């Protein structure tokens, strides 16, 4: 019972923090939002690239690891070329 209550309070806390930051993000300029979005996609791409590499090292050429590497490289290249930017207006 105590574990369930702790998990519920922890999830409510995480939702509260996410909501706070999403309200703050609404007040940012379009240029700042674009910069933050670009940095997020770089972080996302590098995270999955390293995860795929470590998965392949751990399991000696795992198919899931190879898929992670390919998707992350696609995300990184598209972000670098500017194809993942949203059009506003």
Protein backbone atom coordinates (compact mmCIF):
# COMPACT_ATOMS: atom_id res chain seq x y z
CA UNK A 1 0.00 0.00 0.00
CA UNK A 2 2.77 2.42 0.90
CA UNK A 3 4.65 1.64 -2.32
CA UNK A 4 1.59 2.42 -4.43
CA UNK A 5 1.05 5.71 -2.63
CA UNK A 6 4.71 6.67 -3.14
CA UNK A 7 4.52 5.86 -6.86
CA UNK A 8 1.32 7.90 -7.24
CA UNK A 9 2.83 10.93 -5.46
CA UNK A 10 6.03 10.63 -7.51
CA UNK A 11 4.07 10.57 -10.77
CA UNK A 12 1.99 13.59 -9.70
CA UNK A 13 5.23 15.39 -8.87
CA UNK A 14 6.72 14.62 -12.29
CA UNK A 15 3.55 15.80 -14.03
CA UNK A 16 3.62 19.00 -11.97
CA UNK A 17 7.24 19.67 -12.96
CA UNK A 18 6.53 18.94 -16.65
CA UNK A 19 3.50 21.24 -16.58
CA UNK A 20 5.53 24.03 -14.97
CA UNK A 21 8.20 23.84 -17.67
CA UNK A 22 5.64 23.62 -20.48
CA UNK A 23 3.97 26.82 -19.22
CA UNK A 24 7.37 28.54 -19.15
CA UNK A 25 8.14 27.32 -22.67
CA UNK A 26 5.01 29.01 -24.05
CA UNK A 27 6.45 32.42 -23.17
CA UNK A 28 9.71 31.88 -25.09
CA UNK A 29 10.35 33.47 -28.46
CA UNK A 30 10.11 31.43 -31.65
CA UNK A 31 13.88 31.61 -32.15
CA UNK A 32 14.57 30.26 -28.66
CA UNK A 33 12.01 27.47 -29.11
CA UNK A 34 13.66 26.50 -32.38
CA UNK A 35 17.10 26.41 -30.74
CA UNK A 36 15.82 24.27 -27.85
CA UNK A 37 14.06 21.92 -30.28
CA UNK A 38 17.26 21.54 -32.33
CA UNK A 39 19.30 20.75 -29.21
CA UNK A 40 16.66 18.20 -28.13
CA UNK A 41 16.91 16.35 -31.45
CA UNK A 42 20.73 16.30 -31.22
CA UNK A 43 20.49 14.88 -27.68
CA UNK A 44 17.89 12.34 -28.86
CA UNK A 45 20.03 11.26 -31.81
CA UNK A 46 23.26 10.92 -29.83
CA UNK A 47 21.50 9.11 -26.97
CA UNK A 48 20.07 6.46 -29.29
CA UNK A 49 23.33 6.23 -31.22
CA UNK A 50 25.27 5.42 -28.05
CA UNK A 51 22.50 3.10 -26.86
CA UNK A 52 22.63 1.18 -30.14
CA UNK A 53 26.43 0.97 -30.03
CA UNK A 54 26.42 -0.31 -26.44
CA UNK A 55 23.62 -2.76 -27.30
CA UNK A 56 25.74 -4.15 -30.14
CA UNK A 57 28.83 -4.39 -27.96
CA UNK A 58 26.85 -6.16 -25.26
CA UNK A 59 25.04 -8.67 -27.51
CA UNK A 60 27.51 -8.89 -30.43
CA UNK A 61 25.54 -7.42 -33.37
CA UNK A 62 22.01 -7.24 -32.09
CA UNK A 63 19.33 -6.38 -34.70
CA UNK A 64 17.62 -3.91 -32.36
CA UNK A 65 20.96 -2.16 -31.76
CA UNK A 66 21.53 -1.82 -35.50
CA UNK A 67 18.02 -0.36 -35.95
CA UNK A 68 18.71 2.14 -33.14
CA UNK A 69 21.96 3.17 -34.83
CA UNK A 70 20.28 3.65 -38.22
CA UNK A 71 17.39 5.68 -36.82
CA UNK A 72 19.71 7.85 -34.74
CA UNK A 73 21.97 8.54 -37.71
CA UNK A 74 18.90 9.49 -39.77
CA UNK A 75 17.72 11.88 -37.03
CA UNK A 76 21.19 13.45 -36.68
CA UNK A 77 21.64 13.95 -40.44
CA UNK A 78 18.15 15.38 -40.94
CA UNK A 79 18.60 17.72 -37.99
CA UNK A 80 22.00 18.87 -39.28
CA UNK A 81 20.54 19.54 -42.74
CA UNK A 82 17.65 21.51 -41.21
CA UNK A 83 14.90 19.16 -42.44
CA UNK A 84 13.41 18.67 -38.96
CA UNK A 85 12.53 22.31 -38.34
CA UNK A 86 8.85 23.17 -38.09
CA UNK A 87 7.40 25.85 -40.29
CA UNK A 88 5.52 28.57 -38.45
CA UNK A 89 3.08 30.96 -39.95
